[in-house]
Amino acid sequence: MSWMKKAAALLVAAVLLTSMGMSPAAAADGKHFKLAWSIYTGYMPWAYAQKAGILKKWADKYGITIDLVQINDYVESLNQFTAGQYDAVTDTVMDSLTIPAAGGVDTTMLILGDYTNGNDSIFIKGKGKTMADLKGKKVFLVQYSVSHYMLWKALQSAGMTEKDIETANIADADFVAAYNTDEVQAVVAWNPATSQIRQLGTASEVFNSSQLPGEIQDILSVNTKVLKEHPEFGKALVGAWYETLTLMQKNDAEGKAARTFMAVSSGTDLADFDNQVSTTAFYYDPAKGAEAFKGDKMARIVDDTMEFSFTHGLLGASAKDKNFIGIELADGTILGDKNNVKLRVDPTYMQMAADGKL
């Protein structure tokens, strides 16, 4: 089964399970919760939070348990969240819209972890290449992901459209392996693969996410029903996240040990991981994360995301325009259909962390 067929099958299954009223993973007794994550620079703090006992400490504080489960395929983690197998998932704004929200699952963006500031890149084999050299090429990427969104914006900036190229799907786990084949001449990847491809020294990096500052956001999404019924779950997640980030940014032995664990867990070493962190704009301060969620720029990012998602057919067959799904912003403003709100921007818990109220 091809990657795209596999992803499509998982999404269909997720929508069917949701339509049959499948309950979120936590619904059994309100004490046990599950968080799905996949390997990416911006998600690695969760691995250390589990290893160091930080996640358990915060879960214990609120009388709950949180199981952190790594899923190798990023899209599969979203599909399983949509199917109700997990209560929370590491993802992006666009993917929350196009998979769980489009699948009928009311989803809340709980934590704004970072924005990619060079983690996502477009590569063309050979030296001295520019965006113009993409014309007529087949570009390999995780289709309809945020990398595809970045490509869409990058083509616009170069006076081109997707009609000027051809896209082909690969899984994120296959970025480097695909790049090393003769067939692949252009690829859009994210870290850790981005760093590995740069180190090969055989490609031109013609665009990266630092040219779209603040736009490609890595977040933690939670099932809205679970969060409303169990705010202690949200508090534990946010508390664990910011305690881990505090350790991670230290340059003492403790901080280096934390980042070393994250590096090894993602298949690299400390020096390379620190390089990846340098192109990941973490919101170490919860107040800044909350403010970014509240800001005017968030409304524009959401609107662009809705436009991309609709024009690429990601909102479902019923969508007549980009406003098919309602998205509630931090101030209560709703973009899209007010009668079909399935995605919510909620800075409340980050603000609790900033105010010392967790």
Protein backbone atom coordinates (compact mmCIF):
# COMPACT_ATOMS: atom_id res chain seq x y z
CA MET A 1 0.00 0.00 0.00
CA SER A 2 1.42 3.42 -0.92
CA TRP A 3 1.93 5.99 1.83
CA MET A 4 -0.90 8.17 0.53
CA LYS A 5 -3.33 5.25 0.31
CA LYS A 6 -2.34 4.21 3.81
CA ALA A 7 -2.95 7.72 5.15
CA ALA A 8 -6.25 7.94 3.32
CA ALA A 9 -7.37 4.60 4.70
CA LEU A 10 -6.49 5.66 8.21
CA LEU A 11 -8.39 8.90 7.82
CA VAL A 12 -11.46 7.15 6.47
CA ALA A 13 -11.35 4.80 9.44
CA ALA A 14 -10.99 7.73 11.79
CA VAL A 15 -13.99 9.54 10.33
CA LEU A 16 -16.09 6.39 10.50
CA LEU A 17 -15.17 5.80 14.12
CA THR A 18 -15.94 9.39 14.96
CA SER A 19 -19.28 9.29 13.18
CA MET A 20 -20.19 6.19 15.18
CA GLY A 21 -19.66 8.16 18.34
CA MET A 22 -16.38 6.63 19.44
CA SER A 23 -15.32 8.23 22.71
CA PRO A 24 -11.91 9.77 23.32
CA ALA A 25 -9.29 7.57 24.92
CA ALA A 26 -9.76 9.17 28.35
CA ALA A 27 -13.49 8.59 28.54
CA ALA A 28 -13.23 5.32 30.45
CA ASP A 29 -12.77 6.76 33.93
CA GLY A 30 -11.36 10.27 33.56
CA LYS A 31 -8.06 9.33 35.19
CA HIS A 32 -5.99 7.87 32.37
CA PHE A 33 -4.96 9.89 29.34
CA LYS A 34 -2.84 9.26 26.25
CA LEU A 35 -0.61 11.65 24.30
CA ALA A 36 0.74 10.67 20.87
CA TRP A 37 3.94 12.18 19.53
CA SER A 38 6.37 11.69 16.65
CA ILE A 39 10.03 12.54 16.22
CA TYR A 40 10.69 16.17 15.34
CA THR A 41 12.89 18.80 16.99
CA GLY A 42 9.95 20.72 18.39
CA TYR A 43 8.38 17.62 19.94
CA MET A 44 11.50 16.08 21.54
CA PRO A 45 10.97 17.79 24.93
CA TRP A 46 8.07 15.39 25.49
CA ALA A 47 10.46 12.44 25.30
CA TYR A 48 12.64 13.96 28.00
CA ALA A 49 9.64 14.92 30.12
CA GLN A 50 8.75 11.25 30.24
CA LYS A 51 12.30 9.99 30.79
CA ALA A 52 13.03 12.45 33.60
CA GLY A 53 9.74 11.82 35.39
CA ILE A 54 8.53 15.38 34.78
CA LEU A 55 5.38 14.27 32.99
CA LYS A 56 4.59 11.82 35.79
CA LYS A 57 5.23 14.47 38.44
CA TRP A 58 2.67 16.82 36.91
CA ALA A 59 0.19 14.04 36.28
CA ASP A 60 0.53 12.93 39.91
CA LYS A 61 -0.12 16.47 41.04
CA TYR A 62 -3.56 16.33 39.44
CA GLY A 63 -4.31 12.71 40.33
CA ILE A 64 -4.14 11.36 36.78
CA THR A 65 -1.86 9.27 34.59
CA ILE A 66 -0.57 10.29 31.16
CA ASP A 67 0.83 7.72 28.75
CA LEU A 68 3.21 9.19 26.19
CA VAL A 69 3.29 7.05 23.05
CA GLN A 70 5.68 7.53 20.13
CA ILE A 71 4.20 6.89 16.68
CA ASN A 72 6.75 6.68 13.90
CA ASP A 73 4.54 8.08 11.16
CA TYR A 74 3.41 11.64 11.87
CA VAL A 75 0.22 11.45 9.79
CA GLU A 76 -0.73 8.21 11.48
CA SER A 77 -0.51 9.93 14.87
CA LEU A 78 -3.08 12.48 13.66
CA ASN A 79 -5.34 9.78 12.31
CA GLN A 80 -5.23 7.85 15.56
CA PHE A 81 -6.01 11.01 17.51
CA THR A 82 -8.94 11.60 15.17
CA ALA A 83 -10.12 8.04 15.74
CA GLY A 84 -10.24 8.64 19.50
CA GLN A 85 -7.24 6.46 20.34
CA TYR A 86 -5.41 9.42 21.92
CA ASP A 87 -6.52 12.46 23.90
CA ALA A 88 -3.74 14.75 22.68
CA VAL A 89 -1.24 14.86 19.84
CA THR A 90 1.82 16.86 18.78
CA ASP A 91 1.10 18.54 15.46
CA THR A 92 0.68 21.82 13.60
CA VAL A 93 -2.16 24.29 13.12
CA MET A 94 -2.85 23.17 9.57
CA ASP A 95 -2.84 19.48 10.39
CA SER A 96 -5.24 20.03 13.29
CA LEU A 97 -7.60 21.66 10.80
CA THR A 98 -7.29 19.18 7.95
CA ILE A 99 -7.33 15.90 9.87
CA PRO A 100 -9.18 15.92 13.22
CA ALA A 101 -11.27 19.06 12.66
CA ALA A 102 -12.11 18.08 9.08
CA GLY A 103 -12.87 14.60 10.43
CA GLY A 104 -15.50 16.03 12.77
CA VAL A 105 -13.48 16.02 15.99
CA ASP A 106 -13.67 19.24 18.01
CA THR A 107 -10.02 20.04 18.68
CA THR A 108 -8.32 22.61 20.92
CA MET A 109 -4.84 24.02 20.34
CA LEU A 110 -3.48 23.98 23.89
CA ILE A 111 0.23 24.81 23.62
CA LEU A 112 2.08 26.90 21.07
CA GLY A 113 5.44 25.19 21.35
CA ASP A 114 7.46 26.90 18.66
CA TYR A 115 7.53 28.00 15.09
CA THR A 116 9.90 26.55 12.57
CA ASN A 117 12.59 29.09 11.78
CA GLY A 118 14.59 27.11 9.25
CA ASN A 119 13.62 23.56 10.23
CA ASP A 120 11.60 23.05 7.03
CA SER A 121 13.49 23.43 3.77
CA ILE A 122 13.22 23.00 0.02
CA PHE A 123 16.26 21.32 -1.55
CA ILE A 124 17.29 20.88 -5.18
CA LYS A 125 20.24 18.65 -5.98
CA GLY A 126 23.23 20.55 -7.32
CA LYS A 127 24.91 23.81 -6.43
CA GLY A 128 23.76 27.30 -7.34
CA LYS A 129 20.09 26.45 -7.75
CA THR A 130 17.22 28.85 -7.04
CA MET A 131 13.45 28.57 -6.68
CA ALA A 132 13.17 29.12 -10.43
CA ASP A 133 14.93 25.79 -10.95
CA LEU A 134 11.95 23.98 -9.43
CA LYS A 135 9.96 24.65 -12.59
CA GLY A 136 9.14 21.40 -14.35
CA LYS A 137 10.54 19.24 -11.56
CA LYS A 138 8.93 16.53 -9.48
CA VAL A 139 9.08 17.62 -5.84
CA PHE A 140 8.98 14.91 -3.18
CA LEU A 141 7.33 15.79 0.13
CA VAL A 142 4.72 14.80 2.67
CA GLN A 143 1.84 15.98 0.54
CA TYR A 144 -0.71 18.31 2.18
CA SER A 145 1.52 18.76 5.24
CA VAL A 146 2.89 22.08 6.49
CA SER A 147 5.87 21.47 4.23
CA HIS A 148 3.44 21.49 1.32
CA TYR A 149 1.97 24.73 2.71
CA MET A 150 5.48 26.22 2.82
CA LEU A 151 6.08 25.11 -0.77
CA TRP A 152 2.79 26.76 -1.78
CA LYS A 153 3.89 30.04 -0.19
CA ALA A 154 7.42 29.76 -1.57
CA LEU A 155 6.13 29.28 -5.12
CA GLN A 156 3.96 32.36 -4.73
CA SER A 157 7.00 34.36 -3.62
CA ALA A 158 8.85 33.22 -6.75
CA GLY A 159 5.98 34.09 -9.09
CA MET A 160 5.02 30.47 -9.68
CA THR A 161 2.18 28.15 -8.78
CA GLU A 162 1.88 24.40 -8.24
CA LYS A 163 1.00 24.09 -11.92
CA ASP A 164 4.70 24.73 -12.58
CA ILE A 165 5.78 21.58 -10.72
CA GLU A 166 4.69 18.03 -9.96
CA THR A 167 4.46 16.71 -6.39
CA ALA A 168 5.05 13.16 -5.17
CA ASN A 169 4.37 11.73 -1.73
CA ILE A 170 6.90 10.30 0.68
CA ALA A 171 6.67 9.61 4.41
CA ASP A 172 8.67 11.82 6.76
CA ALA A 173 10.68 8.80 7.90
CA ASP A 174 11.93 8.39 4.29
CA PHE A 175 13.19 11.92 3.57
CA VAL A 176 16.92 11.14 3.55
CA ALA A 177 16.59 7.70 1.95
CA ALA A 178 14.48 9.18 -0.84
CA TYR A 179 16.91 12.06 -1.34
CA ASN A 180 19.76 9.59 -1.78
CA THR A 181 18.08 7.96 -4.78
CA ASP A 182 18.71 9.07 -8.36
CA GLU A 183 14.98 9.60 -8.92
CA VAL A 184 14.68 12.41 -6.38
CA GLN A 185 16.04 15.75 -7.57
CA ALA A 186 13.96 18.01 -5.32
CA VAL A 187 12.61 17.40 -1.84
CA VAL A 188 10.85 19.33 0.91
CA ALA A 189 11.85 18.06 4.36
CA TRP A 190 11.82 18.94 8.04
CA ASN A 191 14.30 18.23 10.81
CA PRO A 192 16.11 16.05 11.64
CA ALA A 193 16.23 15.20 7.92
CA THR A 194 16.80 18.85 6.94
CA SER A 195 20.02 18.94 8.96
CA GLN A 196 21.17 15.62 7.53
CA ILE A 197 20.58 16.72 3.93
CA ARG A 198 22.41 20.00 4.55
CA GLN A 199 25.40 18.03 5.86
CA LEU A 200 25.58 15.97 2.67
CA GLY A 201 26.59 19.15 0.84
CA THR A 202 25.13 18.04 -2.48
CA ALA A 203 22.06 20.26 -2.70
CA SER A 204 20.99 23.88 -2.91
CA GLU A 205 18.63 24.99 -0.15
CA VAL A 206 16.40 27.27 -2.19
CA PHE A 207 13.87 28.19 0.52
CA ASN A 208 13.30 27.51 4.18
CA SER A 209 10.79 28.36 6.86
CA SER A 210 12.85 31.24 8.29
CA GLN A 211 11.51 33.16 5.29
CA LEU A 212 8.00 32.75 6.75
CA PRO A 213 8.73 33.87 10.34
CA GLY A 214 6.16 32.77 12.89
CA GLU A 215 3.88 31.11 10.36
CA ILE A 216 4.56 27.38 10.59
CA GLN A 217 3.65 26.64 14.18
CA ASP A 218 4.20 23.46 16.15
CA ILE A 219 1.52 22.93 18.74
CA LEU A 220 -0.07 20.45 21.09
CA SER A 221 -3.70 19.68 20.28
CA VAL A 222 -6.20 18.17 22.71
CA ASN A 223 -9.66 16.72 22.22
CA THR A 224 -11.94 19.60 23.25
CA LYS A 225 -14.46 17.37 25.01
CA VAL A 226 -11.71 15.78 27.09
CA LEU A 227 -10.23 19.17 27.98
CA LYS A 228 -13.58 20.64 29.03
CA GLU A 229 -14.40 17.64 31.20
CA HIS A 230 -10.87 17.26 32.58
CA PRO A 231 -9.02 20.58 32.76
CA GLU A 232 -6.52 18.87 35.05
CA PHE A 233 -5.23 17.05 31.96
CA GLY A 234 -4.49 20.35 30.24
CA LYS A 235 -2.83 21.76 33.36
CA ALA A 236 -0.58 18.73 33.75
CA LEU A 237 0.49 18.85 30.10
CA VAL A 238 1.29 22.55 30.20
CA GLY A 239 3.10 22.30 33.52
CA ALA A 240 5.27 19.43 32.30
CA TRP A 241 6.02 21.18 29.02
CA TYR A 242 7.33 24.41 30.51
CA GLU A 243 9.32 22.68 33.25
CA THR A 244 11.04 20.65 30.52
CA LEU A 245 11.70 23.72 28.36
CA THR A 246 13.24 25.47 31.37
CA LEU A 247 15.72 22.62 31.77
CA MET A 248 16.31 22.27 28.05
CA GLN A 249 17.57 25.82 27.53
CA LYS A 250 20.18 25.63 30.28
CA ASN A 251 23.83 25.33 29.30
CA ASP A 252 24.84 23.55 32.49
CA ALA A 253 25.27 19.78 32.90
CA GLU A 254 21.56 19.28 33.50
CA GLY A 255 20.55 21.15 30.36
CA LYS A 256 23.13 19.39 28.21
CA ALA A 257 22.02 16.02 29.57
CA ALA A 258 18.42 16.82 28.65
CA ARG A 259 19.32 17.88 25.11
CA THR A 260 21.67 14.93 24.70
CA PHE A 261 18.83 12.56 25.52
CA MET A 262 16.60 14.36 23.00
CA ALA A 263 19.38 14.16 20.41
CA VAL A 264 20.01 10.45 20.84
CA SER A 265 16.25 9.76 20.89
CA SER A 266 15.92 11.49 17.52
CA GLY A 267 18.89 9.66 16.01
CA THR A 268 21.58 12.30 16.20
CA ASP A 269 24.15 13.85 18.55
CA LEU A 270 24.12 16.90 20.81
CA ALA A 271 25.93 19.21 18.38
CA ASP A 272 23.50 18.44 15.58
CA PHE A 273 20.49 18.66 17.87
CA ASP A 274 21.63 22.04 19.18
CA ASN A 275 21.91 23.15 15.56
CA GLN A 276 18.32 22.03 14.98
CA VAL A 277 17.20 23.91 18.09
CA SER A 278 18.84 27.04 16.69
CA THR A 279 16.39 26.92 13.77
CA THR A 280 13.42 26.22 16.04
CA ALA A 281 11.96 29.32 17.70
CA PHE A 282 10.73 27.81 20.95
CA TYR A 283 8.33 29.83 23.08
CA TYR A 284 10.26 29.20 26.29
CA ASP A 285 8.21 31.89 28.01
CA PRO A 286 4.55 30.83 28.33
CA ALA A 287 3.48 34.47 28.36
CA LYS A 288 4.96 34.94 24.88
CA GLY A 289 3.27 31.78 23.64
CA ALA A 290 -0.07 32.97 24.99
CA GLU A 291 0.43 36.40 23.44
CA ALA A 292 1.24 34.90 20.04
CA PHE A 293 -1.96 32.84 20.21
CA LYS A 294 -3.90 36.03 20.99
CA GLY A 295 -2.24 38.27 18.40
CA ASP A 296 -3.59 39.58 15.10
CA LYS A 297 -1.02 37.53 13.19
CA MET A 298 -2.71 34.35 14.38
CA ALA A 299 -5.90 35.33 12.57
CA ARG A 300 -3.96 35.80 9.31
CA ILE A 301 -2.16 32.47 9.73
CA VAL A 302 -5.46 30.71 10.33
CA ASP A 303 -7.04 32.39 7.30
CA ASP A 304 -4.12 31.40 5.03
CA THR A 305 -4.33 27.87 6.39
CA MET A 306 -8.03 27.71 5.59
CA GLU A 307 -7.35 28.93 2.04
CA PHE A 308 -4.60 26.37 1.40
CA SER A 309 -6.65 23.56 2.91
CA PHE A 310 -9.73 24.31 0.83
CA THR A 311 -7.89 24.79 -2.48
CA HIS A 312 -6.16 21.45 -1.94
CA GLY A 313 -9.36 19.60 -1.12
CA LEU A 314 -8.44 18.92 2.49
CA LEU A 315 -11.68 20.05 4.14
CA GLY A 316 -13.77 17.20 2.77
CA ALA A 317 -16.18 16.74 -0.12
CA SER A 318 -18.87 18.81 1.62
CA ALA A 319 -16.74 21.96 1.75
CA LYS A 320 -18.03 24.59 -0.69
CA ASP A 321 -15.47 27.20 0.31
CA LYS A 322 -12.66 27.79 2.81
CA ASN A 323 -15.17 28.77 5.52
CA PHE A 324 -16.65 25.28 5.82
CA ILE A 325 -15.13 24.67 9.27
CA GLY A 326 -15.39 27.24 12.02
CA ILE A 327 -12.22 28.17 13.91
CA GLU A 328 -12.59 30.02 17.20
CA LEU A 329 -9.76 32.46 17.89
CA ALA A 330 -8.50 33.40 21.34
CA ASP A 331 -10.79 36.44 21.61
CA GLY A 332 -13.88 34.42 20.71
CA THR A 333 -13.97 35.59 17.10
CA ILE A 334 -14.94 32.79 14.74
CA LEU A 335 -13.50 32.48 11.28
CA GLY A 336 -15.57 30.26 9.02
CA ASP A 337 -18.88 28.60 9.86
CA LYS A 338 -20.14 29.56 13.32
CA ASN A 339 -22.36 26.48 13.25
CA ASN A 340 -19.49 24.09 12.58
CA VAL A 341 -16.74 25.13 14.99
CA LYS A 342 -14.25 22.27 15.19
CA LEU A 343 -10.96 24.01 15.98
CA ARG A 344 -10.19 26.38 18.86
CA VAL A 345 -7.20 28.55 19.76
CA ASP A 346 -6.98 28.53 23.56
CA PRO A 347 -4.18 30.46 25.34
CA THR A 348 -5.83 29.96 28.77
CA TYR A 349 -3.53 27.24 30.03
CA MET A 350 -0.34 28.90 28.82
CA GLN A 351 -1.50 32.05 30.58
CA MET A 352 -2.01 30.02 33.76
CA ALA A 353 1.62 28.89 33.49
CA ALA A 354 2.76 32.48 32.94
CA ASP A 355 0.79 33.63 35.98
CA GLY A 356 2.06 30.80 38.18
CA LYS A 357 -1.44 29.38 38.62
CA LEU A 358 -0.89 25.77 37.61
